[in-house]
Amino acid sequence: ENDFLTKVLNGMAFAGFVSERGPPFRAC
């Protein structure tokens, strides 16, 4: 029911975050 976090997760910035930080093998 948290509207703020739902909007954050639906945003383009979070999609970019997932595509950048999602790979399991990358520089930490």
PDB file of all heavy atoms in Angstrom:
ATOM      1  N   GLU A   1       0.808  -1.215   0.000  1.00  0.00           N
ATOM      2  CA  GLU A   1       0.000   0.000   0.000  1.00  0.00           C
ATOM      3  C   GLU A   1       0.846   1.273   0.000  1.00  0.00           C
ATOM      4  O   GLU A   1       0.296   2.372  -0.003  1.00  0.00           O
ATOM      5  CB  GLU A   1      -0.921   0.008   1.233  1.00  0.00           C
ATOM      6  CG  GLU A   1      -1.880  -1.150   1.286  1.00  0.00           C
ATOM      7  CD  GLU A   1      -2.869  -1.134   0.126  1.00  0.00           C
ATOM      8  OE1 GLU A   1      -3.328  -0.044  -0.264  1.00  0.00           O
ATOM      9  OE2 GLU A   1      -3.177  -2.222  -0.381  1.00  0.00           O
ATOM     10  N   ASN A   2       2.166   1.158  -0.006  1.00  0.00           N
ATOM     11  CA  ASN A   2       3.042   2.325   0.037  1.00  0.00           C
ATOM     12  C   ASN A   2       3.099   2.968  -1.344  1.00  0.00           C
ATOM     13  O   ASN A   2       3.724   2.456  -2.264  1.00  0.00           O
ATOM     14  CB  ASN A   2       4.444   1.921   0.504  1.00  0.00           C
ATOM     15  CG  ASN A   2       5.324   3.117   0.749  1.00  0.00           C
ATOM     16  OD1 ASN A   2       5.412   4.026  -0.067  1.00  0.00           O
ATOM     17  ND2 ASN A   2       5.998   3.094   1.882  1.00  0.00           N
ATOM     18  N   ASP A   3       2.434   4.098  -1.483  1.00  0.00           N
ATOM     19  CA  ASP A   3       2.317   4.777  -2.769  1.00  0.00           C
ATOM     20  C   ASP A   3       3.665   5.310  -3.257  1.00  0.00           C
ATOM     21  O   ASP A   3       3.985   5.230  -4.438  1.00  0.00           O
ATOM     22  CB  ASP A   3       1.303   5.919  -2.646  1.00  0.00           C
ATOM     23  CG  ASP A   3       0.883   6.457  -3.994  1.00  0.00           C
ATOM     24  OD1 ASP A   3       0.730   5.639  -4.930  1.00  0.00           O
ATOM     25  OD2 ASP A   3       0.713   7.693  -4.119  1.00  0.00           O
ATOM     26  N   PHE A   4       4.462   5.852  -2.330  1.00  0.00           N
ATOM     27  CA  PHE A   4       5.758   6.424  -2.719  1.00  0.00           C
ATOM     28  C   PHE A   4       6.674   5.376  -3.333  1.00  0.00           C
ATOM     29  O   PHE A   4       7.198   5.565  -4.431  1.00  0.00           O
ATOM     30  CB  PHE A   4       6.442   7.078  -1.505  1.00  0.00           C
ATOM     31  CG  PHE A   4       7.852   7.508  -1.794  1.00  0.00           C
ATOM     32  CD1 PHE A   4       8.100   8.622  -2.576  1.00  0.00           C
ATOM     33  CD2 PHE A   4       8.937   6.792  -1.293  1.00  0.00           C
ATOM     34  CE1 PHE A   4       9.396   9.024  -2.851  1.00  0.00           C
ATOM     35  CE2 PHE A   4      10.232   7.180  -1.565  1.00  0.00           C
ATOM     36  CZ  PHE A   4      10.460   8.301  -2.344  1.00  0.00           C
ATOM     37  N   LEU A   5       6.876   4.257  -2.621  1.00  0.00           N
ATOM     38  CA  LEU A   5       7.789   3.234  -3.117  1.00  0.00           C
ATOM     39  C   LEU A   5       7.257   2.589  -4.401  1.00  0.00           C
ATOM     40  O   LEU A   5       8.037   2.268  -5.299  1.00  0.00           O
ATOM     41  CB  LEU A   5       8.054   2.171  -2.042  1.00  0.00           C
ATOM     42  CG  LEU A   5       9.249   1.261  -2.282  1.00  0.00           C
ATOM     43  CD1 LEU A   5      10.523   2.052  -2.536  1.00  0.00           C
ATOM     44  CD2 LEU A   5       9.456   0.327  -1.107  1.00  0.00           C
ATOM     45  N   THR A   6       5.958   2.455  -4.525  1.00  0.00           N
ATOM     46  CA  THR A   6       5.370   1.916  -5.754  1.00  0.00           C
ATOM     47  C   THR A   6       5.693   2.829  -6.933  1.00  0.00           C
ATOM     48  O   THR A   6       6.069   2.355  -8.006  1.00  0.00           O
ATOM     49  CB  THR A   6       3.843   1.764  -5.608  1.00  0.00           C
ATOM     50  OG1 THR A   6       3.580   0.926  -4.488  1.00  0.00           O
ATOM     51  CG2 THR A   6       3.230   1.159  -6.852  1.00  0.00           C
ATOM     52  N   LYS A   7       5.570   4.135  -6.742  1.00  0.00           N
ATOM     53  CA  LYS A   7       5.892   5.090  -7.810  1.00  0.00           C
ATOM     54  C   LYS A   7       7.382   5.076  -8.132  1.00  0.00           C
ATOM     55  O   LYS A   7       7.772   5.194  -9.297  1.00  0.00           O
ATOM     56  CB  LYS A   7       5.437   6.493  -7.428  1.00  0.00           C
ATOM     57  CG  LYS A   7       3.935   6.653  -7.499  1.00  0.00           C
ATOM     58  CD  LYS A   7       3.507   8.052  -7.145  1.00  0.00           C
ATOM     59  CE  LYS A   7       1.997   8.161  -7.235  1.00  0.00           C
ATOM     60  NZ  LYS A   7       1.511   9.505  -6.915  1.00  0.00           N
ATOM     61  N   VAL A   8       8.226   4.925  -7.131  1.00  0.00           N
ATOM     62  CA  VAL A   8       9.672   4.843  -7.365  1.00  0.00           C
ATOM     63  C   VAL A   8       9.993   3.617  -8.216  1.00  0.00           C
ATOM     64  O   VAL A   8      10.754   3.691  -9.181  1.00  0.00           O
ATOM     65  CB  VAL A   8      10.461   4.801  -6.040  1.00  0.00           C
ATOM     66  CG1 VAL A   8      11.912   4.435  -6.262  1.00  0.00           C
ATOM     67  CG2 VAL A   8      10.364   6.138  -5.325  1.00  0.00           C
ATOM     68  N   LEU A   9       9.400   2.469  -7.868  1.00  0.00           N
ATOM     69  CA  LEU A   9       9.675   1.229  -8.597  1.00  0.00           C
ATOM     70  C   LEU A   9       9.117   1.250 -10.015  1.00  0.00           C
ATOM     71  O   LEU A   9       9.629   0.545 -10.892  1.00  0.00           O
ATOM     72  CB  LEU A   9       9.111   0.028  -7.837  1.00  0.00           C
ATOM     73  CG  LEU A   9       9.710  -0.245  -6.460  1.00  0.00           C
ATOM     74  CD1 LEU A   9       9.038  -1.445  -5.825  1.00  0.00           C
ATOM     75  CD2 LEU A   9      11.202  -0.432  -6.517  1.00  0.00           C
ATOM     76  N   ASN A  10       8.072   2.040 -10.270  1.00  0.00           N
ATOM     77  CA  ASN A  10       7.494   2.130 -11.607  1.00  0.00           C
ATOM     78  C   ASN A  10       8.180   3.176 -12.481  1.00  0.00           C
ATOM     79  O   ASN A  10       7.875   3.269 -13.661  1.00  0.00           O
ATOM     80  CB  ASN A  10       5.991   2.450 -11.528  1.00  0.00           C
ATOM     81  CG  ASN A  10       5.201   1.272 -11.022  1.00  0.00           C
ATOM     82  OD1 ASN A  10       5.567   0.123 -11.239  1.00  0.00           O
ATOM     83  ND2 ASN A  10       4.116   1.550 -10.330  1.00  0.00           N
ATOM     84  N   GLY A  11       9.094   3.942 -11.932  1.00  0.00           N
ATOM     85  CA  GLY A  11       9.746   5.022 -12.668  1.00  0.00           C
ATOM     86  C   GLY A  11      10.845   4.542 -13.601  1.00  0.00           C
ATOM     87  O   GLY A  11      11.373   3.426 -13.488  1.00  0.00           O
ATOM     88  N   MET A  12      11.181   5.407 -14.547  1.00  0.00           N
ATOM     89  CA  MET A  12      12.241   5.092 -15.514  1.00  0.00           C
ATOM     90  C   MET A  12      13.606   5.012 -14.840  1.00  0.00           C
ATOM     91  O   MET A  12      14.460   4.235 -15.252  1.00  0.00           O
ATOM     92  CB  MET A  12      12.270   6.149 -16.616  1.00  0.00           C
ATOM     93  CG  MET A  12      11.125   6.032 -17.588  1.00  0.00           C
ATOM     94  SD  MET A  12      11.116   7.325 -18.838  1.00  0.00           S
ATOM     95  CE  MET A  12      12.700   7.156 -19.597  1.00  0.00           C
ATOM     96  N   ALA A  13      13.825   5.819 -13.812  1.00  0.00           N
ATOM     97  CA  ALA A  13      15.111   5.799 -13.121  1.00  0.00           C
ATOM     98  C   ALA A  13      15.353   4.430 -12.487  1.00  0.00           C
ATOM     99  O   ALA A  13      16.475   3.911 -12.520  1.00  0.00           O
ATOM    100  CB  ALA A  13      15.166   6.886 -12.059  1.00  0.00           C
ATOM    101  N   PHE A  14      14.299   3.829 -11.930  1.00  0.00           N
ATOM    102  CA  PHE A  14      14.473   2.512 -11.318  1.00  0.00           C
ATOM    103  C   PHE A  14      14.709   1.449 -12.392  1.00  0.00           C
ATOM    104  O   PHE A  14      15.477   0.522 -12.181  1.00  0.00           O
ATOM    105  CB  PHE A  14      13.274   2.132 -10.447  1.00  0.00           C
ATOM    106  CG  PHE A  14      13.507   0.856  -9.690  1.00  0.00           C
ATOM    107  CD1 PHE A  14      14.348   0.837  -8.592  1.00  0.00           C
ATOM    108  CD2 PHE A  14      12.913  -0.329 -10.082  1.00  0.00           C
ATOM    109  CE1 PHE A  14      14.591  -0.335  -7.900  1.00  0.00           C
ATOM    110  CE2 PHE A  14      13.145  -1.509  -9.391  1.00  0.00           C
ATOM    111  CZ  PHE A  14      13.990  -1.510  -8.298  1.00  0.00           C
ATOM    112  N   ALA A  15      14.062   1.594 -13.552  1.00  0.00           N
ATOM    113  CA  ALA A  15      14.311   0.653 -14.659  1.00  0.00           C
ATOM    114  C   ALA A  15      15.774   0.724 -15.085  1.00  0.00           C
ATOM    115  O   ALA A  15      16.414  -0.304 -15.334  1.00  0.00           O
ATOM    116  CB  ALA A  15      13.385   0.963 -15.830  1.00  0.00           C
ATOM    117  N   GLY A  16      16.319   1.927 -15.141  1.00  0.00           N
ATOM    118  CA  GLY A  16      17.744   2.083 -15.447  1.00  0.00           C
ATOM    119  C   GLY A  16      18.614   1.496 -14.358  1.00  0.00           C
ATOM    120  O   GLY A  16      19.662   0.891 -14.630  1.00  0.00           O
ATOM    121  N   PHE A  17      18.200   1.676 -13.106  1.00  0.00           N
ATOM    122  CA  PHE A  17      18.918   1.106 -11.966  1.00  0.00           C
ATOM    123  C   PHE A  17      18.992  -0.416 -12.090  1.00  0.00           C
ATOM    124  O   PHE A  17      20.049  -1.009 -11.915  1.00  0.00           O
ATOM    125  CB  PHE A  17      18.194   1.517 -10.675  1.00  0.00           C
ATOM    126  CG  PHE A  17      18.697   0.854  -9.432  1.00  0.00           C
ATOM    127  CD1 PHE A  17      19.807   1.342  -8.773  1.00  0.00           C
ATOM    128  CD2 PHE A  17      18.046  -0.254  -8.902  1.00  0.00           C
ATOM    129  CE1 PHE A  17      20.273   0.738  -7.618  1.00  0.00           C
ATOM    130  CE2 PHE A  17      18.497  -0.862  -7.749  1.00  0.00           C
ATOM    131  CZ  PHE A  17      19.616  -0.360  -7.101  1.00  0.00           C
ATOM    132  N   VAL A  18      17.867  -1.049 -12.427  1.00  0.00           N
ATOM    133  CA  VAL A  18      17.822  -2.513 -12.550  1.00  0.00           C
ATOM    134  C   VAL A  18      18.700  -2.976 -13.713  1.00  0.00           C
ATOM    135  O   VAL A  18      19.454  -3.946 -13.585  1.00  0.00           O
ATOM    136  CB  VAL A  18      16.367  -3.014 -12.719  1.00  0.00           C
ATOM    137  CG1 VAL A  18      16.323  -4.474 -13.145  1.00  0.00           C
ATOM    138  CG2 VAL A  18      15.607  -2.825 -11.426  1.00  0.00           C
ATOM    139  N   SER A  19      18.634  -2.277 -14.840  1.00  0.00           N
ATOM    140  CA  SER A  19      19.439  -2.715 -15.982  1.00  0.00           C
ATOM    141  C   SER A  19      20.923  -2.511 -15.726  1.00  0.00           C
ATOM    142  O   SER A  19      21.753  -3.301 -16.188  1.00  0.00           O
ATOM    143  CB  SER A  19      19.008  -1.994 -17.260  1.00  0.00           C
ATOM    144  OG  SER A  19      19.273  -0.619 -17.165  1.00  0.00           O
ATOM    145  N   GLU A  20      21.286  -1.490 -14.965  1.00  0.00           N
ATOM    146  CA  GLU A  20      22.695  -1.233 -14.676  1.00  0.00           C
ATOM    147  C   GLU A  20      23.225  -2.117 -13.559  1.00  0.00           C
ATOM    148  O   GLU A  20      24.322  -2.652 -13.633  1.00  0.00           O
ATOM    149  CB  GLU A  20      22.871   0.239 -14.294  1.00  0.00           C
ATOM    150  CG  GLU A  20      24.293   0.628 -14.004  1.00  0.00           C
ATOM    151  CD  GLU A  20      24.407   2.075 -13.560  1.00  0.00           C
ATOM    152  OE1 GLU A  20      23.752   2.938 -14.173  1.00  0.00           O
ATOM    153  OE2 GLU A  20      25.143   2.331 -12.588  1.00  0.00           O
ATOM    154  N   ARG A  21      22.447  -2.280 -12.499  1.00  0.00           N
ATOM    155  CA  ARG A  21      22.914  -3.005 -11.317  1.00  0.00           C
ATOM    156  C   ARG A  21      22.422  -4.441 -11.237  1.00  0.00           C
ATOM    157  O   ARG A  21      22.779  -5.150 -10.322  1.00  0.00           O
ATOM    158  CB  ARG A  21      22.476  -2.258 -10.063  1.00  0.00           C
ATOM    159  CG  ARG A  21      23.098  -0.890 -10.004  1.00  0.00           C
ATOM    160  CD  ARG A  21      23.152  -0.406  -8.596  1.00  0.00           C
ATOM    161  NE  ARG A  21      24.045   0.713  -8.516  1.00  0.00           N
ATOM    162  CZ  ARG A  21      25.313   0.624  -8.131  1.00  0.00           C
ATOM    163  NH1 ARG A  21      25.832  -0.522  -7.797  1.00  0.00           N
ATOM    164  NH2 ARG A  21      26.060   1.692  -8.076  1.00  0.00           N
ATOM    165  N   GLY A  22      21.604  -4.850 -12.177  1.00  0.00           N
ATOM    166  CA  GLY A  22      21.037  -6.185 -12.143  1.00  0.00           C
ATOM    167  C   GLY A  22      21.981  -7.317 -12.486  1.00  0.00           C
ATOM    168  O   GLY A  22      21.872  -8.397 -11.902  1.00  0.00           O
ATOM    169  N   PRO A  23      22.912  -7.119 -13.439  1.00  0.00           N
ATOM    170  CA  PRO A  23      23.769  -8.249 -13.813  1.00  0.00           C
ATOM    171  C   PRO A  23      24.513  -8.831 -12.605  1.00  0.00           C
ATOM    172  O   PRO A  23      25.014  -8.079 -11.769  1.00  0.00           O
ATOM    173  CB  PRO A  23      24.753  -7.636 -14.813  1.00  0.00           C
ATOM    174  CG  PRO A  23      24.030  -6.469 -15.373  1.00  0.00           C
ATOM    175  CD  PRO A  23      23.181  -5.947 -14.257  1.00  0.00           C
ATOM    176  N   PRO A  24      24.576 -10.151 -12.524  1.00  0.00           N
ATOM    177  CA  PRO A  24      25.210 -10.775 -11.362  1.00  0.00           C
ATOM    178  C   PRO A  24      26.734 -10.692 -11.378  1.00  0.00           C
ATOM    179  O   PRO A  24      27.365 -10.928 -10.364  1.00  0.00           O
ATOM    180  CB  PRO A  24      24.749 -12.234 -11.449  1.00  0.00           C
ATOM    181  CG  PRO A  24      24.418 -12.431 -12.880  1.00  0.00           C
ATOM    182  CD  PRO A  24      23.954 -11.124 -13.418  1.00  0.00           C
ATOM    183  N   PHE A  25      27.326 -10.333 -12.530  1.00  0.00           N
ATOM    184  CA  PHE A  25      28.778 -10.262 -12.620  1.00  0.00           C
ATOM    185  C   PHE A  25      29.149  -8.895 -13.194  1.00  0.00           C
ATOM    186  O   PHE A  25      29.000  -8.636 -14.378  1.00  0.00           O
ATOM    187  CB  PHE A  25      29.311 -11.384 -13.522  1.00  0.00           C
ATOM    188  CG  PHE A  25      30.807 -11.486 -13.525  1.00  0.00           C
ATOM    189  CD1 PHE A  25      31.473 -12.013 -12.440  1.00  0.00           C
ATOM    190  CD2 PHE A  25      31.540 -11.034 -14.607  1.00  0.00           C
ATOM    191  CE1 PHE A  25      32.855 -12.107 -12.439  1.00  0.00           C
ATOM    192  CE2 PHE A  25      32.919 -11.131 -14.609  1.00  0.00           C
ATOM    193  CZ  PHE A  25      33.577 -11.667 -13.529  1.00  0.00           C
ATOM    194  N   ARG A  26      29.590  -8.014 -12.334  1.00  0.00           N
ATOM    195  CA  ARG A  26      29.987  -6.662 -12.733  1.00  0.00           C
ATOM    196  C   ARG A  26      30.874  -6.069 -11.647  1.00  0.00           C
ATOM    197  O   ARG A  26      31.087  -6.686 -10.600  1.00  0.00           O
ATOM    198  CB  ARG A  26      28.755  -5.787 -12.966  1.00  0.00           C
ATOM    199  CG  ARG A  26      27.921  -5.595 -11.734  1.00  0.00           C
ATOM    200  CD  ARG A  26      26.808  -4.579 -11.962  1.00  0.00           C
ATOM    201  NE  ARG A  26      25.870  -4.604 -10.868  1.00  0.00           N
ATOM    202  CZ  ARG A  26      26.080  -4.065  -9.671  1.00  0.00           C
ATOM    203  NH1 ARG A  26      27.204  -3.460  -9.417  1.00  0.00           N
ATOM    204  NH2 ARG A  26      25.167  -4.138  -8.721  1.00  0.00           N
ATOM    205  N   ALA A  27      31.370  -4.862 -11.884  1.00  0.00           N
ATOM    206  CA  ALA A  27      32.191  -4.188 -10.882  1.00  0.00           C
ATOM    207  C   ALA A  27      31.299  -3.747  -9.719  1.00  0.00           C
ATOM    208  O   ALA A  27      30.242  -3.169  -9.930  1.00  0.00           O
ATOM    209  CB  ALA A  27      32.880  -2.978 -11.506  1.00  0.00           C
ATOM    210  N   CYS A  28      31.705  -4.063  -8.501  1.00  0.00           N
ATOM    211  CA  CYS A  28      30.939  -3.700  -7.306  1.00  0.00           C
ATOM    212  C   CYS A  28      31.425  -2.349  -6.768  1.00  0.00           C
ATOM    213  O   CYS A  28      32.557  -1.949  -7.012  1.00  0.00           O
ATOM    214  CB  CYS A  28      31.104  -4.754  -6.225  1.00  0.00           C
ATOM    215  SG  CYS A  28      30.369  -6.324  -6.686  1.00  0.00           S
TER     216      CYS A  28
END
